[in-house]
């Protein structure tokens, strides 16, 4: 489970890097739905880290509220898996 979360978080961080780079160059962007999906399936820590390390999407209310909320849900899921399985 820890490896899964680590891989998802790495994917989330890389996705934020790619999106930030594309935004600076005026290129095709990663859809917000995709970023939220990555965060929802376990990559919230990576997406949140990417937001603040890269200063990307930090002014968007749905990201500043939604991604930390998904991080809490990710943590709860990990807790439940470790406690009950």
Protein backbone atom coordinates (compact mmCIF):
# COMPACT_ATOMS: atom_id res chain seq x y z
CA UNK A 1 0.00 0.00 0.00
CA UNK A 2 2.82 2.41 0.83
CA UNK A 3 4.46 1.73 -2.52
CA UNK A 4 1.13 2.38 -4.27
CA UNK A 5 0.70 5.74 -2.49
CA UNK A 6 4.32 6.68 -3.21
CA UNK A 7 3.95 5.89 -6.92
CA UNK A 8 0.63 7.75 -7.17
CA UNK A 9 2.15 10.74 -5.37
CA UNK A 10 5.13 10.74 -7.72
CA UNK A 11 2.77 10.63 -10.71
CA UNK A 12 0.79 13.51 -9.19
CA UNK A 13 3.90 15.62 -8.68
CA UNK A 14 5.14 14.90 -12.21
CA UNK A 15 1.71 15.76 -13.62
CA UNK A 16 1.85 19.13 -11.84
CA UNK A 17 5.36 19.71 -13.23
CA UNK A 18 4.20 18.95 -16.75
CA UNK A 19 1.13 21.16 -16.39
CA UNK A 20 3.15 24.05 -14.97
CA UNK A 21 5.67 23.77 -17.80
CA UNK A 22 2.90 23.68 -20.41
CA UNK A 23 1.21 26.69 -18.81
CA UNK A 24 4.42 28.72 -19.02
CA UNK A 25 4.90 27.77 -22.69
CA UNK A 26 1.27 28.22 -23.70
CA UNK A 27 0.99 24.57 -24.71
CA UNK A 28 -1.65 21.89 -24.19
CA UNK A 29 -2.45 21.53 -20.48
CA UNK A 30 -3.36 18.55 -18.36
CA UNK A 31 -7.11 18.80 -17.66
CA UNK A 32 -8.03 19.69 -14.08
CA UNK A 33 -10.25 16.60 -13.98
CA UNK A 34 -7.16 14.46 -14.59
CA UNK A 35 -5.24 16.16 -11.77
CA UNK A 36 -8.16 15.58 -9.40
CA UNK A 37 -8.43 11.95 -10.54
CA UNK A 38 -4.75 11.36 -9.81
CA UNK A 39 -5.20 12.98 -6.40
CA UNK A 40 -8.33 10.94 -5.71
CA UNK A 41 -6.75 7.57 -6.44
CA UNK A 42 -3.89 8.13 -4.02
CA UNK A 43 -1.72 10.90 -5.42
CA UNK A 44 -3.04 13.81 -3.37
CA UNK A 45 0.23 14.27 -1.50
CA UNK A 46 2.15 14.61 -4.77
CA UNK A 47 -0.36 16.99 -6.30
CA UNK A 48 -0.44 19.11 -3.15
CA UNK A 49 3.36 19.14 -2.99
CA UNK A 50 3.49 20.14 -6.64
CA UNK A 51 1.03 22.95 -6.04
CA UNK A 52 3.19 24.61 -3.42
CA UNK A 53 6.68 23.70 -4.63
CA UNK A 54 5.87 24.92 -8.14
CA UNK A 55 3.43 27.66 -7.05
CA UNK A 56 0.89 26.22 -9.47
CA UNK A 57 -2.91 26.28 -9.06
CA UNK A 58 -2.55 27.82 -5.59
CA UNK A 59 -5.02 30.60 -6.39
CA UNK A 60 -7.75 28.23 -7.54
CA UNK A 61 -10.22 27.69 -4.70
CA UNK A 62 -11.23 24.24 -5.91
CA UNK A 63 -7.58 23.16 -5.71
CA UNK A 64 -6.74 24.83 -2.39
CA UNK A 65 -9.76 23.15 -0.79
CA UNK A 66 -10.23 20.04 -2.92
CA UNK A 67 -6.71 18.64 -2.95
CA UNK A 68 -6.19 18.86 0.85
CA UNK A 69 -9.62 17.25 1.27
CA UNK A 70 -8.57 14.42 -1.03
CA UNK A 71 -5.35 14.09 0.98
CA UNK A 72 -7.41 13.58 4.13
CA UNK A 73 -9.52 10.97 2.31
CA UNK A 74 -6.34 9.25 1.05
CA UNK A 75 -4.97 9.16 4.60
CA UNK A 76 -8.26 7.79 5.93
CA UNK A 77 -8.23 5.05 3.29
CA UNK A 78 -4.66 4.07 4.19
CA UNK A 79 -5.59 4.05 7.87
CA UNK A 80 -8.62 1.84 7.25
CA UNK A 81 -6.63 -0.58 5.11
CA UNK A 82 -3.90 -0.94 7.72
CA UNK A 83 -6.34 -1.26 10.63
CA UNK A 84 -8.86 -3.65 9.12
CA UNK A 85 -6.99 -5.76 6.59
